[in-house]
Amino acid sequence: MLSLATDLDALTRFGRALADPIRCRILLALREEPAHPATLADLLEISRTRLSNHLACLRDCGLVVAVPEGRRVRYELADERLGHALDDLRTAVVAVEADKTCVDADEKGCC
């Protein structure tokens, strides 16, 4: 049974999903249109196994859903507003120093 995530939980899930470049590419591709795993793997030029692992993460985060189509499964964003959120994030101005990299909070700093 699906449940609604709290605001903090939803942001944490979104952040976890966006923390990986491949998952970002998957979300951006699904923002354009729903797709089957084989199509996504070809589009992103990654193995189907690797794609499957990332899709599982995105499903667990609640950002994508698998829609059965006969013997196949099509993936799409769980909510159309996620596409708008991705657009807003892509066009947001991020103020960073050119020579700084984002590091994990458990290491030297936090981005």
C-alpha atoms as a PDB file:
ATOM      1  CA  MET A   1       0.000   0.000   0.000  1.00  0.00           C
ATOM      2  CA  LEU A   2       1.370   3.407  -0.980  1.00  0.00           C
ATOM      3  CA  SER A   3       1.528   6.191   1.575  1.00  0.00           C
ATOM      4  CA  LEU A   4       2.281   9.878   1.302  1.00  0.00           C
ATOM      5  CA  ALA A   5       5.749  10.857   2.464  1.00  0.00           C
ATOM      6  CA  THR A   6       6.255  13.691   4.929  1.00  0.00           C
ATOM      7  CA  ASP A   7       7.853  16.863   3.568  1.00  0.00           C
ATOM      8  CA  LEU A   8      11.258  16.026   5.035  1.00  0.00           C
ATOM      9  CA  ASP A   9      11.077  12.410   3.895  1.00  0.00           C
ATOM     10  CA  ALA A  10      10.063  13.482   0.382  1.00  0.00           C
ATOM     11  CA  LEU A  11      13.013  15.888   0.117  1.00  0.00           C
ATOM     12  CA  THR A  12      15.401  13.246   1.443  1.00  0.00           C
ATOM     13  CA  ARG A  13      14.166  10.729  -1.099  1.00  0.00           C
ATOM     14  CA  PHE A  14      14.470  13.272  -3.912  1.00  0.00           C
ATOM     15  CA  GLY A  15      17.983  14.177  -2.799  1.00  0.00           C
ATOM     16  CA  ARG A  16      19.033  10.523  -2.630  1.00  0.00           C
ATOM     17  CA  ALA A  17      17.730   9.976  -6.142  1.00  0.00           C
ATOM     18  CA  LEU A  18      19.495  13.045  -7.520  1.00  0.00           C
ATOM     19  CA  ALA A  19      22.787  12.144  -5.847  1.00  0.00           C
ATOM     20  CA  ASP A  20      23.708   9.853  -8.742  1.00  0.00           C
ATOM     21  CA  PRO A  21      24.257  11.160 -12.299  1.00  0.00           C
ATOM     22  CA  ILE A  22      22.710   8.056 -13.896  1.00  0.00           C
ATOM     23  CA  ARG A  23      19.542   8.437 -11.837  1.00  0.00           C
ATOM     24  CA  CYS A  24      19.423  12.105 -12.839  1.00  0.00           C
ATOM     25  CA  ARG A  25      19.670  11.090 -16.505  1.00  0.00           C
ATOM     26  CA  ILE A  26      16.888   8.515 -16.036  1.00  0.00           C
ATOM     27  CA  LEU A  27      14.610  11.090 -14.418  1.00  0.00           C
ATOM     28  CA  LEU A  28      15.295  13.601 -17.181  1.00  0.00           C
ATOM     29  CA  ALA A  29      14.569  10.978 -19.835  1.00  0.00           C
ATOM     30  CA  LEU A  30      11.304  10.014 -18.129  1.00  0.00           C
ATOM     31  CA  ARG A  31      10.462  13.711 -17.850  1.00  0.00           C
ATOM     32  CA  GLU A  32      10.338  13.712 -21.646  1.00  0.00           C
ATOM     33  CA  GLU A  33       8.213  10.564 -21.943  1.00  0.00           C
ATOM     34  CA  PRO A  34       7.555   7.191 -20.313  1.00  0.00           C
ATOM     35  CA  ALA A  35       9.874   4.435 -21.507  1.00  0.00           C
ATOM     36  CA  HIS A  36      10.580   0.718 -21.353  1.00  0.00           C
ATOM     37  CA  PRO A  37      13.805  -0.413 -19.635  1.00  0.00           C
ATOM     38  CA  ALA A  38      15.419  -1.608 -22.875  1.00  0.00           C
ATOM     39  CA  THR A  39      14.778   1.780 -24.468  1.00  0.00           C
ATOM     40  CA  LEU A  40      16.204   3.609 -21.456  1.00  0.00           C
ATOM     41  CA  ALA A  41      19.297   1.396 -21.355  1.00  0.00           C
ATOM     42  CA  ASP A  42      19.976   2.075 -25.038  1.00  0.00           C
ATOM     43  CA  LEU A  43      19.303   5.802 -24.692  1.00  0.00           C
ATOM     44  CA  LEU A  44      21.607   6.150 -21.683  1.00  0.00           C
ATOM     45  CA  GLU A  45      24.167   3.685 -23.059  1.00  0.00           C
ATOM     46  CA  ILE A  46      24.271   1.591 -19.882  1.00  0.00           C
ATOM     47  CA  SER A  47      23.678  -2.100 -19.251  1.00  0.00           C
ATOM     48  CA  ARG A  48      20.178  -3.294 -18.469  1.00  0.00           C
ATOM     49  CA  THR A  49      21.427  -4.691 -15.155  1.00  0.00           C
ATOM     50  CA  ARG A  50      22.828  -1.336 -14.110  1.00  0.00           C
ATOM     51  CA  LEU A  51      19.660   0.405 -15.256  1.00  0.00           C
ATOM     52  CA  SER A  52      17.541  -2.073 -13.311  1.00  0.00           C
ATOM     53  CA  ASN A  53      19.417  -1.255 -10.098  1.00  0.00           C
ATOM     54  CA  HIS A  54      18.889   2.472 -10.597  1.00  0.00           C
ATOM     55  CA  LEU A  55      15.213   2.026 -11.461  1.00  0.00           C
ATOM     56  CA  ALA A  56      14.781   0.011  -8.249  1.00  0.00           C
ATOM     57  CA  CYS A  57      16.281   2.896  -6.286  1.00  0.00           C
ATOM     58  CA  LEU A  58      14.003   5.405  -7.998  1.00  0.00           C
ATOM     59  CA  ARG A  59      10.978   3.186  -7.302  1.00  0.00           C
ATOM     60  CA  ASP A  60      12.022   2.852  -3.652  1.00  0.00           C
ATOM     61  CA  CYS A  61      12.358   6.638  -3.456  1.00  0.00           C
ATOM     62  CA  GLY A  62       8.819   6.919  -4.840  1.00  0.00           C
ATOM     63  CA  LEU A  63       9.829   8.976  -7.876  1.00  0.00           C
ATOM     64  CA  VAL A  64       9.003   6.514 -10.646  1.00  0.00           C
ATOM     65  CA  VAL A  65       6.362   3.848 -11.081  1.00  0.00           C
ATOM     66  CA  ALA A  66       6.332   0.704 -13.169  1.00  0.00           C
ATOM     67  CA  VAL A  67       3.219   0.373 -15.325  1.00  0.00           C
ATOM     68  CA  PRO A  68       2.523  -3.151 -16.612  1.00  0.00           C
ATOM     69  CA  GLU A  69       1.821  -3.377 -20.349  1.00  0.00           C
ATOM     70  CA  GLY A  70       1.091  -7.000 -21.079  1.00  0.00           C
ATOM     71  CA  ARG A  71       4.402  -8.826 -20.703  1.00  0.00           C
ATOM     72  CA  ARG A  72       6.391  -5.583 -20.602  1.00  0.00           C
ATOM     73  CA  VAL A  73       6.764  -2.808 -18.044  1.00  0.00           C
ATOM     74  CA  ARG A  74       6.857   0.885 -18.827  1.00  0.00           C
ATOM     75  CA  TYR A  75       8.401   3.380 -16.415  1.00  0.00           C
ATOM     76  CA  GLU A  76       7.161   6.893 -15.822  1.00  0.00           C
ATOM     77  CA  LEU A  77       7.455   9.638 -13.241  1.00  0.00           C
ATOM     78  CA  ALA A  78       5.222   8.937 -10.251  1.00  0.00           C
ATOM     79  CA  ASP A  79       3.745  12.438 -10.450  1.00  0.00           C
ATOM     80  CA  GLU A  80       3.797  14.874 -13.369  1.00  0.00           C
ATOM     81  CA  ARG A  81       4.826  17.641 -10.945  1.00  0.00           C
ATOM     82  CA  LEU A  82       8.198  15.899 -10.602  1.00  0.00           C
ATOM     83  CA  GLY A  83       8.927  16.946 -14.178  1.00  0.00           C
ATOM     84  CA  HIS A  84       8.250  20.575 -13.246  1.00  0.00           C
ATOM     85  CA  ALA A  85      10.469  20.210 -10.162  1.00  0.00           C
ATOM     86  CA  LEU A  86      13.286  18.822 -12.316  1.00  0.00           C
ATOM     87  CA  ASP A  87      12.915  21.778 -14.696  1.00  0.00           C
ATOM     88  CA  ASP A  88      13.066  24.208 -11.765  1.00  0.00           C
ATOM     89  CA  LEU A  89      16.171  22.513 -10.356  1.00  0.00           C
ATOM     90  CA  ARG A  90      17.909  22.460 -13.745  1.00  0.00           C
ATOM     91  CA  THR A  91      17.392  26.177 -14.248  1.00  0.00           C
ATOM     92  CA  ALA A  92      18.142  27.279 -10.681  1.00  0.00           C
ATOM     93  CA  VAL A  93      21.262  29.351 -10.186  1.00  0.00           C
ATOM     94  CA  VAL A  94      23.726  27.595  -7.896  1.00  0.00           C
ATOM     95  CA  ALA A  95      26.384  29.785  -6.286  1.00  0.00           C
ATOM     96  CA  VAL A  96      29.620  27.809  -6.026  1.00  0.00           C
ATOM     97  CA  GLU A  97      33.290  28.647  -6.255  1.00  0.00           C
ATOM     98  CA  ALA A  98      34.818  27.369  -9.496  1.00  0.00           C
ATOM     99  CA  ASP A  99      37.523  25.308  -7.798  1.00  0.00           C
ATOM    100  CA  LYS A 100      35.307  23.735  -5.115  1.00  0.00           C
ATOM    101  CA  THR A 101      33.779  20.292  -5.322  1.00  0.00           C
ATOM    102  CA  CYS A 102      30.814  18.987  -3.427  1.00  0.00           C
ATOM    103  CA  VAL A 103      31.867  16.519  -0.734  1.00  0.00           C
ATOM    104  CA  ASP A 104      29.873  14.349   1.626  1.00  0.00           C
ATOM    105  CA  ALA A 105      29.053  15.806   5.054  1.00  0.00           C
ATOM    106  CA  ASP A 106      30.829  12.870   6.684  1.00  0.00           C
ATOM    107  CA  GLU A 107      34.046  13.880   4.958  1.00  0.00           C
ATOM    108  CA  LYS A 108      35.443  17.429   4.890  1.00  0.00           C
ATOM    109  CA  GLY A 109      32.352  19.479   4.329  1.00  0.00           C
ATOM    110  CA  CYS A 110      28.850  19.547   2.953  1.00  0.00           C
ATOM    111  CA  CYS A 111      27.392  20.788  -0.285  1.00  0.00           C
END
